[in-house]
PDB file of N, CA and C in Angstrom:
ATOM      1  N   LEU A   1       9.739   1.251 -15.936  1.00  0.00           N
ATOM      2  CA  LEU A   1       8.486   1.486 -15.249  1.00  0.00           C
ATOM      3  C   LEU A   1       7.748   2.674 -15.866  1.00  0.00           C
ATOM      4  N   LEU A   2       8.471   3.741 -16.134  1.00  0.00           N
ATOM      5  CA  LEU A   2       7.828   4.920 -16.713  1.00  0.00           C
ATOM      6  C   LEU A   2       7.259   4.623 -18.091  1.00  0.00           C
ATOM      7  N   GLN A   3       7.920   3.776 -18.845  1.00  0.00           N
ATOM      8  CA  GLN A   3       7.404   3.400 -20.166  1.00  0.00           C
ATOM      9  C   GLN A   3       6.115   2.594 -20.024  1.00  0.00           C
ATOM     10  N   ASN A   4       6.055   1.717 -19.018  1.00  0.00           N
ATOM     11  CA  ASN A   4       4.837   0.942 -18.780  1.00  0.00           C
ATOM     12  C   ASN A   4       3.673   1.844 -18.389  1.00  0.00           C
ATOM     13  N   VAL A   5       3.931   2.826 -17.542  1.00  0.00           N
ATOM     14  CA  VAL A   5       2.892   3.777 -17.149  1.00  0.00           C
ATOM     15  C   VAL A   5       2.383   4.522 -18.368  1.00  0.00           C
ATOM     16  N   SER A   6       3.299   4.966 -19.188  1.00  0.00           N
ATOM     17  CA  SER A   6       2.930   5.694 -20.395  1.00  0.00           C
ATOM     18  C   SER A   6       2.085   4.834 -21.333  1.00  0.00           C
ATOM     19  N   ARG A   7       2.491   3.595 -21.513  1.00  0.00           N
ATOM     20  CA  ARG A   7       1.793   2.697 -22.433  1.00  0.00           C
ATOM     21  C   ARG A   7       0.424   2.286 -21.894  1.00  0.00           C
ATOM     22  N   LYS A   8       0.335   1.921 -20.618  1.00  0.00           N
ATOM     23  CA  LYS A   8      -0.915   1.402 -20.063  1.00  0.00           C
ATOM     24  C   LYS A   8      -1.937   2.478 -19.738  1.00  0.00           C
ATOM     25  N   PHE A   9      -1.483   3.636 -19.282  1.00  0.00           N
ATOM     26  CA  PHE A   9      -2.408   4.660 -18.806  1.00  0.00           C
ATOM     27  C   PHE A   9      -2.399   5.928 -19.647  1.00  0.00           C
ATOM     28  N   SER A  10      -1.581   5.954 -20.689  1.00  0.00           N
ATOM     29  CA  SER A  10      -1.461   7.134 -21.555  1.00  0.00           C
ATOM     30  C   SER A  10      -1.094   8.379 -20.754  1.00  0.00           C
ATOM     31  N   ILE A  11      -0.184   8.187 -19.811  1.00  0.00           N
ATOM     32  CA  ILE A  11       0.310   9.292 -18.988  1.00  0.00           C
ATOM     33  C   ILE A  11       1.790   9.450 -19.272  1.00  0.00           C
ATOM     34  N   LYS A  12       2.200  10.655 -19.590  1.00  0.00           N
ATOM     35  CA  LYS A  12       3.615  10.930 -19.835  1.00  0.00           C
ATOM     36  C   LYS A  12       4.203  11.565 -18.581  1.00  0.00           C
ATOM     37  N   ILE A  13       5.170  10.889 -17.970  1.00  0.00           N
ATOM     38  CA  ILE A  13       5.870  11.413 -16.805  1.00  0.00           C
ATOM     39  C   ILE A  13       7.266  11.820 -17.250  1.00  0.00           C
ATOM     40  N   SER A  14       7.589  13.058 -17.016  1.00  0.00           N
ATOM     41  CA  SER A  14       8.883  13.585 -17.425  1.00  0.00           C
ATOM     42  C   SER A  14      10.009  12.831 -16.720  1.00  0.00           C
ATOM     43  N   GLU A  15      11.066  12.573 -17.441  1.00  0.00           N
ATOM     44  CA  GLU A  15      12.221  11.886 -16.854  1.00  0.00           C
ATOM     45  C   GLU A  15      12.902  12.751 -15.805  1.00  0.00           C
ATOM     46  N   SER A  16      12.647  14.049 -15.834  1.00  0.00           N
ATOM     47  CA  SER A  16      13.242  14.942 -14.840  1.00  0.00           C
ATOM     48  C   SER A  16      12.424  14.994 -13.541  1.00  0.00           C
ATOM     49  N   PHE A  17      11.243  14.359 -13.549  1.00  0.00           N
ATOM     50  CA  PHE A  17      10.409  14.322 -12.342  1.00  0.00           C
ATOM     51  C   PHE A  17      11.139  13.530 -11.263  1.00  0.00           C
ATOM     52  N   PRO A  18      11.238  14.074 -10.043  1.00  0.00           N
ATOM     53  CA  PRO A  18      11.992  13.379  -8.989  1.00  0.00           C
ATOM     54  C   PRO A  18      11.225  12.140  -8.496  1.00  0.00           C
ATOM     55  N   LEU A  19      11.590  10.999  -9.008  1.00  0.00           N
ATOM     56  CA  LEU A  19      10.938   9.741  -8.681  1.00  0.00           C
ATOM     57  C   LEU A  19      11.973   8.812  -8.061  1.00  0.00           C
ATOM     58  N   SER A  20      11.637   8.242  -6.916  1.00  0.00           N
ATOM     59  CA  SER A  20      12.574   7.346  -6.224  1.00  0.00           C
ATOM     60  C   SER A  20      11.959   5.964  -6.081  1.00  0.00           C
ATOM     61  N   PHE A  21      12.789   4.954  -6.202  1.00  0.00           N
ATOM     62  CA  PHE A  21      12.344   3.572  -6.038  1.00  0.00           C
ATOM     63  C   PHE A  21      13.082   2.968  -4.849  1.00  0.00           C
ATOM     64  N   ILE A  22      12.362   2.192  -4.066  1.00  0.00           N
ATOM     65  CA  ILE A  22      13.001   1.469  -2.967  1.00  0.00           C
ATOM     66  C   ILE A  22      12.737  -0.018  -3.178  1.00  0.00           C
ATOM     67  N   HIS A  23      13.674  -0.821  -2.779  1.00  0.00           N
ATOM     68  CA  HIS A  23      13.549  -2.264  -2.943  1.00  0.00           C
ATOM     69  C   HIS A  23      13.173  -2.880  -1.600  1.00  0.00           C
ATOM     70  N   MET A  24      12.111  -3.657  -1.616  1.00  0.00           N
ATOM     71  CA  MET A  24      11.571  -4.240  -0.391  1.00  0.00           C
ATOM     72  C   MET A  24      11.573  -5.769  -0.450  1.00  0.00           C
ATOM     73  N   HIS A  25      12.425  -6.341  -1.276  1.00  0.00           N
ATOM     74  CA  HIS A  25      12.435  -7.793  -1.463  1.00  0.00           C
ATOM     75  C   HIS A  25      12.673  -8.555  -0.163  1.00  0.00           C
ATOM     76  N   ASN A  26      13.469  -8.005   0.737  1.00  0.00           N
ATOM     77  CA  ASN A  26      13.771  -8.694   1.997  1.00  0.00           C
ATOM     78  C   ASN A  26      12.614  -8.659   2.985  1.00  0.00           C
ATOM     79  N   HIS A  27      11.588  -7.871   2.700  1.00  0.00           N
ATOM     80  CA  HIS A  27      10.471  -7.722   3.638  1.00  0.00           C
ATOM     81  C   HIS A  27       9.157  -8.262   3.080  1.00  0.00           C
ATOM     82  N   ILE A  28       9.219  -8.933   1.965  1.00  0.00           N
ATOM     83  CA  ILE A  28       8.012  -9.417   1.299  1.00  0.00           C
ATOM     84  C   ILE A  28       7.249 -10.443   2.147  1.00  0.00           C
ATOM     85  N   HIS A  29       7.921 -11.082   3.094  1.00  0.00           N
ATOM     86  CA  HIS A  29       7.262 -12.083   3.934  1.00  0.00           C
ATOM     87  C   HIS A  29       6.126 -11.483   4.765  1.00  0.00           C
ATOM     88  N   HIS A  30       6.118 -10.172   4.970  1.00  0.00           N
ATOM     89  CA  HIS A  30       5.031  -9.536   5.712  1.00  0.00           C
ATOM     90  C   HIS A  30       3.716  -9.582   4.934  1.00  0.00           C
ATOM     91  N   LEU A  31       3.787  -9.878   3.643  1.00  0.00           N
ATOM     92  CA  LEU A  31       2.596  -9.886   2.802  1.00  0.00           C
ATOM     93  C   LEU A  31       2.063 -11.287   2.531  1.00  0.00           C
ATOM     94  N   GLU A  32       2.634 -12.290   3.169  1.00  0.00           N
ATOM     95  CA  GLU A  32       2.186 -13.667   2.947  1.00  0.00           C
ATOM     96  C   GLU A  32       0.806 -13.891   3.550  1.00  0.00           C
ATOM     97  N   ARG A  33       0.073 -14.820   2.965  1.00  0.00           N
ATOM     98  CA  ARG A  33      -1.262 -15.158   3.470  1.00  0.00           C
ATOM     99  C   ARG A  33      -1.145 -15.782   4.857  1.00  0.00           C
ATOM    100  N   ALA A  34      -2.081 -15.445   5.706  1.00  0.00           N
ATOM    101  CA  ALA A  34      -2.099 -15.970   7.066  1.00  0.00           C
ATOM    102  C   ALA A  34      -3.079 -17.135   7.157  1.00  0.00           C
ATOM    103  N   ASN A  35      -2.742 -18.108   7.997  1.00  0.00           N
ATOM    104  CA  ASN A  35      -3.630 -19.258   8.191  1.00  0.00           C
ATOM    105  C   ASN A  35      -4.731 -18.972   9.206  1.00  0.00           C
ATOM    106  N   ARG A  36      -4.417 -18.178  10.205  1.00  0.00           N
ATOM    107  CA  ARG A  36      -5.386 -17.855  11.259  1.00  0.00           C
ATOM    108  C   ARG A  36      -5.594 -16.351  11.320  1.00  0.00           C
ATOM    109  N   PHE A  37      -6.806 -15.972  11.667  1.00  0.00           N
ATOM    110  CA  PHE A  37      -7.150 -14.554  11.770  1.00  0.00           C
ATOM    111  C   PHE A  37      -6.672 -13.817  10.523  1.00  0.00           C
ATOM    112  N   SER A  38      -6.991 -14.370   9.366  1.00  0.00           N
ATOM    113  CA  SER A  38      -6.382 -13.913   8.121  1.00  0.00           C
ATOM    114  C   SER A  38      -6.585 -12.433   7.835  1.00  0.00           C
ATOM    115  N   MET A  39      -7.778 -11.911   7.994  1.00  0.00           N
ATOM    116  CA  MET A  39      -8.006 -10.496   7.671  1.00  0.00           C
ATOM    117  C   MET A  39      -7.186  -9.590   8.591  1.00  0.00           C
ATOM    118  N   ILE A  40      -7.182  -9.906   9.870  1.00  0.00           N
ATOM    119  CA  ILE A  40      -6.427  -9.089  10.832  1.00  0.00           C
ATOM    120  C   ILE A  40      -4.930  -9.260  10.601  1.00  0.00           C
ATOM    121  N   SER A  41      -4.484 -10.501  10.456  1.00  0.00           N
ATOM    122  CA  SER A  41      -3.057 -10.770  10.269  1.00  0.00           C
ATOM    123  C   SER A  41      -2.516 -10.126   8.999  1.00  0.00           C
ATOM    124  N   GLU A  42      -3.263 -10.252   7.921  1.00  0.00           N
ATOM    125  CA  GLU A  42      -2.800  -9.678   6.660  1.00  0.00           C
ATOM    126  C   GLU A  42      -2.816  -8.148   6.709  1.00  0.00           C
ATOM    127  N   SER A  43      -3.793  -7.563   7.384  1.00  0.00           N
ATOM    128  CA  SER A  43      -3.835  -6.103   7.519  1.00  0.00           C
ATOM    129  C   SER A  43      -2.653  -5.606   8.343  1.00  0.00           C
ATOM    130  N   ILE A  44      -2.342  -6.305   9.418  1.00  0.00           N
ATOM    131  CA  ILE A  44      -1.181  -5.939  10.232  1.00  0.00           C
ATOM    132  C   ILE A  44       0.100  -6.103   9.419  1.00  0.00           C
ATOM    133  N   GLY A  45       0.175  -7.169   8.619  1.00  0.00           N
ATOM    134  CA  GLY A  45       1.350  -7.396   7.773  1.00  0.00           C
ATOM    135  C   GLY A  45       1.566  -6.267   6.778  1.00  0.00           C
ATOM    136  N   THR A  46       0.480  -5.769   6.169  1.00  0.00           N
ATOM    137  CA  THR A  46       0.627  -4.663   5.222  1.00  0.00           C
ATOM    138  C   THR A  46       1.040  -3.382   5.934  1.00  0.00           C
ATOM    139  N   MET A  47       0.574  -3.205   7.173  1.00  0.00           N
ATOM    140  CA  MET A  47       0.967  -2.021   7.940  1.00  0.00           C
ATOM    141  C   MET A  47       2.455  -2.070   8.281  1.00  0.00           C
ATOM    142  N   ILE A  48       2.953  -3.239   8.667  1.00  0.00           N
ATOM    143  CA  ILE A  48       4.385  -3.404   8.969  1.00  0.00           C
ATOM    144  C   ILE A  48       5.206  -3.164   7.705  1.00  0.00           C
ATOM    145  N   PHE A  49       4.758  -3.737   6.594  1.00  0.00           N
ATOM    146  CA  PHE A  49       5.450  -3.565   5.317  1.00  0.00           C
ATOM    147  C   PHE A  49       5.505  -2.087   4.933  1.00  0.00           C
ATOM    148  N   ALA A  50       4.373  -1.393   5.073  1.00  0.00           N
ATOM    149  CA  ALA A  50       4.328   0.040   4.750  1.00  0.00           C
ATOM    150  C   ALA A  50       5.265   0.830   5.655  1.00  0.00           C
ATOM    151  N   TRP A  51       5.286   0.521   6.938  1.00  0.00           N
ATOM    152  CA  TRP A  51       6.147   1.242   7.871  1.00  0.00           C
ATOM    153  C   TRP A  51       7.621   1.058   7.516  1.00  0.00           C
ATOM    154  N   LYS A  52       8.008  -0.171   7.172  1.00  0.00           N
ATOM    155  CA  LYS A  52       9.402  -0.423   6.791  1.00  0.00           C
ATOM    156  C   LYS A  52       9.755   0.345   5.517  1.00  0.00           C
ATOM    157  N   ALA A  53       8.830   0.394   4.559  1.00  0.00           N
ATOM    158  CA  ALA A  53       9.073   1.147   3.325  1.00  0.00           C
ATOM    159  C   ALA A  53       9.156   2.643   3.613  1.00  0.00           C
ATOM    160  N   LEU A  54       8.259   3.146   4.447  1.00  0.00           N
ATOM    161  CA  LEU A  54       8.240   4.580   4.753  1.00  0.00           C
ATOM    162  C   LEU A  54       9.457   5.007   5.560  1.00  0.00           C
ATOM    163  N   ARG A  55      10.053   4.088   6.309  1.00  0.00           N
ATOM    164  CA  ARG A  55      11.285   4.409   7.030  1.00  0.00           C
ATOM    165  C   ARG A  55      12.460   4.535   6.072  1.00  0.00           C
ATOM    166  N   LYS A  56      12.397   3.828   4.939  1.00  0.00           N
ATOM    167  CA  LYS A  56      13.464   3.941   3.935  1.00  0.00           C
ATOM    168  C   LYS A  56      13.336   5.228   3.128  1.00  0.00           C
ATOM    169  N   LEU A  57      12.095   5.610   2.854  1.00  0.00           N
ATOM    170  CA  LEU A  57      11.847   6.815   2.058  1.00  0.00           C
ATOM    171  C   LEU A  57      10.466   7.341   2.419  1.00  0.00           C
ATOM    172  N   THR A  58      10.408   8.528   2.974  1.00  0.00           N
ATOM    173  CA  THR A  58       9.133   9.126   3.362  1.00  0.00           C
ATOM    174  C   THR A  58       8.749  10.177   2.335  1.00  0.00           C
ATOM    175  N   PRO A  59       7.671   9.941   1.595  1.00  0.00           N
ATOM    176  CA  PRO A  59       7.258  10.907   0.570  1.00  0.00           C
ATOM    177  C   PRO A  59       6.468  12.067   1.178  1.00  0.00           C
ATOM    178  N   HIS A  60       6.336  13.127   0.421  1.00  0.00           N
ATOM    179  CA  HIS A  60       5.490  14.240   0.854  1.00  0.00           C
ATOM    180  C   HIS A  60       4.020  13.816   0.809  1.00  0.00           C
ATOM    181  N   VAL A  61       3.674  13.049  -0.239  1.00  0.00           N
ATOM    182  CA  VAL A  61       2.310  12.555  -0.405  1.00  0.00           C
ATOM    183  C   VAL A  61       2.382  11.045  -0.606  1.00  0.00           C
ATOM    184  N   PHE A  62       1.582  10.312   0.151  1.00  0.00           N
ATOM    185  CA  PHE A  62       1.509   8.854   0.061  1.00  0.00           C
ATOM    186  C   PHE A  62       0.268   8.514  -0.762  1.00  0.00           C
ATOM    187  N   PHE A  63       0.468   7.889  -1.925  1.00  0.00           N
ATOM    188  CA  PHE A  63      -0.641   7.473  -2.777  1.00  0.00           C
ATOM    189  C   PHE A  63      -0.926   6.002  -2.537  1.00  0.00           C
ATOM    190  N   GLU A  64      -2.126   5.687  -2.107  1.00  0.00           N
ATOM    191  CA  GLU A  64      -2.501   4.301  -1.845  1.00  0.00           C
ATOM    192  C   GLU A  64      -3.586   3.915  -2.834  1.00  0.00           C
ATOM    193  N   THR A  65      -3.280   2.955  -3.699  1.00  0.00           N
ATOM    194  CA  THR A  65      -4.251   2.526  -4.708  1.00  0.00           C
ATOM    195  C   THR A  65      -4.432   1.016  -4.727  1.00  0.00           C
ATOM    196  N   THR A  66      -3.832   0.307  -3.781  1.00  0.00           N
ATOM    197  CA  THR A  66      -3.853  -1.148  -3.823  1.00  0.00           C
ATOM    198  C   THR A  66      -5.015  -1.766  -3.078  1.00  0.00           C
ATOM    199  N   GLY A  67      -5.670  -1.002  -2.232  1.00  0.00           N
ATOM    200  CA  GLY A  67      -6.760  -1.550  -1.433  1.00  0.00           C
ATOM    201  C   GLY A  67      -6.318  -2.014  -0.057  1.00  0.00           C
ATOM    202  N   CYS A  68      -5.052  -1.832   0.273  1.00  0.00           N
ATOM    203  CA  CYS A  68      -4.565  -2.147   1.625  1.00  0.00           C
ATOM    204  C   CYS A  68      -4.850  -0.927   2.499  1.00  0.00           C
ATOM    205  N   ALA A  69      -6.087  -0.836   2.936  1.00  0.00           N
ATOM    206  CA  ALA A  69      -6.589   0.401   3.536  1.00  0.00           C
ATOM    207  C   ALA A  69      -5.816   0.852   4.772  1.00  0.00           C
ATOM    208  N   PHE A  70      -5.300  -0.054   5.541  1.00  0.00           N
ATOM    209  CA  PHE A  70      -4.652   0.341   6.790  1.00  0.00           C
ATOM    210  C   PHE A  70      -3.273   0.956   6.583  1.00  0.00           C
ATOM    211  N   THR A  71      -2.717   0.833   5.382  1.00  0.00           N
ATOM    212  CA  THR A  71      -1.391   1.410   5.138  1.00  0.00           C
ATOM    213  C   THR A  71      -1.415   2.930   5.183  1.00  0.00           C
ATOM    214  N   PHE A  72      -2.534   3.524   4.780  1.00  0.00           N
ATOM    215  CA  PHE A  72      -2.542   4.988   4.797  1.00  0.00           C
ATOM    216  C   PHE A  72      -2.616   5.539   6.209  1.00  0.00           C
ATOM    217  N   LEU A  73      -3.083   4.750   7.173  1.00  0.00           N
ATOM    218  CA  LEU A  73      -3.030   5.174   8.576  1.00  0.00           C
ATOM    219  C   LEU A  73      -1.584   5.263   9.052  1.00  0.00           C
ATOM    220  N   VAL A  74      -0.783   4.283   8.647  1.00  0.00           N
ATOM    221  CA  VAL A  74       0.643   4.291   8.989  1.00  0.00           C
ATOM    222  C   VAL A  74       1.317   5.503   8.348  1.00  0.00           C
ATOM    223  N   ALA A  75       1.000   5.756   7.082  1.00  0.00           N
ATOM    224  CA  ALA A  75       1.620   6.877   6.372  1.00  0.00           C
ATOM    225  C   ALA A  75       1.253   8.214   7.015  1.00  0.00           C
ATOM    226  N   LYS A  76      -0.003   8.364   7.385  1.00  0.00           N
ATOM    227  CA  LYS A  76      -0.453   9.650   7.935  1.00  0.00           C
ATOM    228  C   LYS A  76       0.006   9.855   9.368  1.00  0.00           C
ATOM    229  N   PHE A  77      -0.248   8.877  10.225  1.00  0.00           N
ATOM    230  CA  PHE A  77      -0.031   9.094  11.655  1.00  0.00           C
ATOM    231  C   PHE A  77       1.376   8.756  12.138  1.00  0.00           C
ATOM    232  N   LEU A  78       2.046   7.813  11.507  1.00  0.00           N
ATOM    233  CA  LEU A  78       3.405   7.470  11.935  1.00  0.00           C
ATOM    234  C   LEU A  78       4.473   8.191  11.114  1.00  0.00           C
ATOM    235  N   ALA A  79       4.249   8.290   9.804  1.00  0.00           N
ATOM    236  CA  ALA A  79       5.259   8.914   8.950  1.00  0.00           C
ATOM    237  C   ALA A  79       4.977  10.389   8.691  1.00  0.00           C
ATOM    238  N   GLY A  80       3.773  10.858   8.999  1.00  0.00           N
ATOM    239  CA  GLY A  80       3.448  12.270   8.830  1.00  0.00           C
ATOM    240  C   GLY A  80       3.222  12.703   7.396  1.00  0.00           C
ATOM    241  N   CYS A  81       2.858  11.776   6.522  1.00  0.00           N
ATOM    242  CA  CYS A  81       2.623  12.095   5.112  1.00  0.00           C
ATOM    243  C   CYS A  81       1.219  12.641   4.898  1.00  0.00           C
ATOM    244  N   ARG A  82       1.068  13.416   3.840  1.00  0.00           N
ATOM    245  CA  ARG A  82      -0.259  13.685   3.332  1.00  0.00           C
ATOM    246  C   ARG A  82      -0.666  12.429   2.575  1.00  0.00           C
ATOM    247  N   VAL A  83      -1.934  12.120   2.553  1.00  0.00           N
ATOM    248  CA  VAL A  83      -2.388  10.860   1.968  1.00  0.00           C
ATOM    249  C   VAL A  83      -3.428  11.116   0.882  1.00  0.00           C
ATOM    250  N   ALA A  84      -3.241  10.451  -0.238  1.00  0.00           N
ATOM    251  CA  ALA A  84      -4.243  10.406  -1.298  1.00  0.00           C
ATOM    252  C   ALA A  84      -4.545   8.934  -1.528  1.00  0.00           C
ATOM    253  N   THR A  85      -5.801   8.579  -1.524  1.00  0.00           N
ATOM    254  CA  THR A  85      -6.142   7.170  -1.654  1.00  0.00           C
ATOM    255  C   THR A  85      -7.362   6.976  -2.534  1.00  0.00           C
ATOM    256  N   TYR A  86      -7.402   5.851  -3.168  1.00  0.00           N
ATOM    257  CA  TYR A  86      -8.564   5.428  -3.939  1.00  0.00           C
ATOM    258  C   TYR A  86      -8.927   4.049  -3.415  1.00  0.00           C
ATOM    259  N   VAL A  87     -10.010   3.977  -2.689  1.00  0.00           N
ATOM    260  CA  VAL A  87     -10.474   2.700  -2.154  1.00  0.00           C
ATOM    261  C   VAL A  87     -11.794   2.389  -2.831  1.00  0.00           C
ATOM    262  N   HIS A  88     -11.820   1.336  -3.621  1.00  0.00           N
ATOM    263  CA  HIS A  88     -13.014   1.010  -4.389  1.00  0.00           C
ATOM    264  C   HIS A  88     -13.855  -0.091  -3.758  1.00  0.00           C
ATOM    265  N   TYR A  89     -13.419  -0.627  -2.647  1.00  0.00           N
ATOM    266  CA  TYR A  89     -14.204  -1.623  -1.935  1.00  0.00           C
ATOM    267  C   TYR A  89     -13.755  -1.621  -0.481  1.00  0.00           C
ATOM    268  N   PRO A  90     -14.658  -2.002   0.420  1.00  0.00           N
ATOM    269  CA  PRO A  90     -14.241  -2.056   1.828  1.00  0.00           C
ATOM    270  C   PRO A  90     -13.321  -3.248   2.077  1.00  0.00           C
ATOM    271  N   THR A  91     -12.425  -3.093   3.022  1.00  0.00           N
ATOM    272  CA  THR A  91     -11.523  -4.189   3.369  1.00  0.00           C
ATOM    273  C   THR A  91     -12.310  -5.367   3.938  1.00  0.00           C
ATOM    274  N   ILE A  92     -13.222  -5.069   4.832  1.00  0.00           N
ATOM    275  CA  ILE A  92     -14.066  -6.107   5.426  1.00  0.00           C
ATOM    276  C   ILE A  92     -15.510  -5.700   5.181  1.00  0.00           C
ATOM    277  N   SER A  93     -16.220  -6.494   4.392  1.00  0.00           N
ATOM    278  CA  SER A  93     -17.606  -6.179   4.070  1.00  0.00           C
ATOM    279  C   SER A  93     -18.542  -7.163   4.763  1.00  0.00           C
ATOM    280  N   THR A  94     -19.818  -6.824   4.808  1.00  0.00           N
ATOM    281  CA  THR A  94     -20.790  -7.686   5.489  1.00  0.00           C
ATOM    282  C   THR A  94     -20.924  -9.035   4.801  1.00  0.00           C
ATOM    283  N   ASP A  95     -20.818  -9.078   3.474  1.00  0.00           N
ATOM    284  CA  ASP A  95     -20.905 -10.374   2.804  1.00  0.00           C
ATOM    285  C   ASP A  95     -19.693 -11.241   3.102  1.00  0.00           C
ATOM    286  N   MET A  96     -18.525 -10.627   3.335  1.00  0.00           N
ATOM    287  CA  MET A  96     -17.341 -11.399   3.739  1.00  0.00           C
ATOM    288  C   MET A  96     -17.542 -11.943   5.149  1.00  0.00           C
ATOM    289  N   LEU A  97     -18.086 -11.125   6.032  1.00  0.00           N
ATOM    290  CA  LEU A  97     -18.326 -11.573   7.402  1.00  0.00           C
ATOM    291  C   LEU A  97     -19.322 -12.718   7.452  1.00  0.00           C
ATOM    292  N   SER A  98     -20.306 -12.697   6.575  1.00  0.00           N
ATOM    293  CA  SER A  98     -21.307 -13.785   6.574  1.00  0.00           C
ATOM    294  C   SER A  98     -20.670 -15.120   6.193  1.00  0.00           C
ATOM    295  N   LEU A  99     -19.594 -15.095   5.432  1.00  0.00           N
ATOM    296  CA  LEU A  99     -18.885 -16.329   5.089  1.00  0.00           C
ATOM    297  C   LEU A  99     -18.064 -16.863   6.246  1.00  0.00           C
ATOM    298  N   VAL A 100     -17.623 -15.964   7.106  1.00  0.00           N
ATOM    299  CA  VAL A 100     -16.758 -16.363   8.229  1.00  0.00           C
ATOM    300  C   VAL A 100     -17.576 -16.771   9.448  1.00  0.00           C
ATOM    301  N   TRP A 101     -18.633 -16.044   9.718  1.00  0.00           N
ATOM    302  CA  TRP A 101     -19.419 -16.313  10.926  1.00  0.00           C
ATOM    303  C   TRP A 101     -20.356 -17.419  10.699  1.00  0.00           C
TER     304      TRP A 101
END
């Protein structure tokens, strides 16, 4: 993983940097597409997934870069993490709502 980061982003992360990985393969079903109430269901699913991950390992700072905006609420208010996030689009936008309504 560190080699991929170095190659793709030209960032060198020291091997001595305390980096931990957790495996969430048994909980991946929380991220499946929903048939009904998809935006709400999928947002709740990402929050559950984040909570299960944060219970396994709670970082000092939670970096959210995937666009699952509600996960940082779980990290901040339930796990007590500091949060850094990059959100480049709203989760629910007016043009998305016009397609549903």
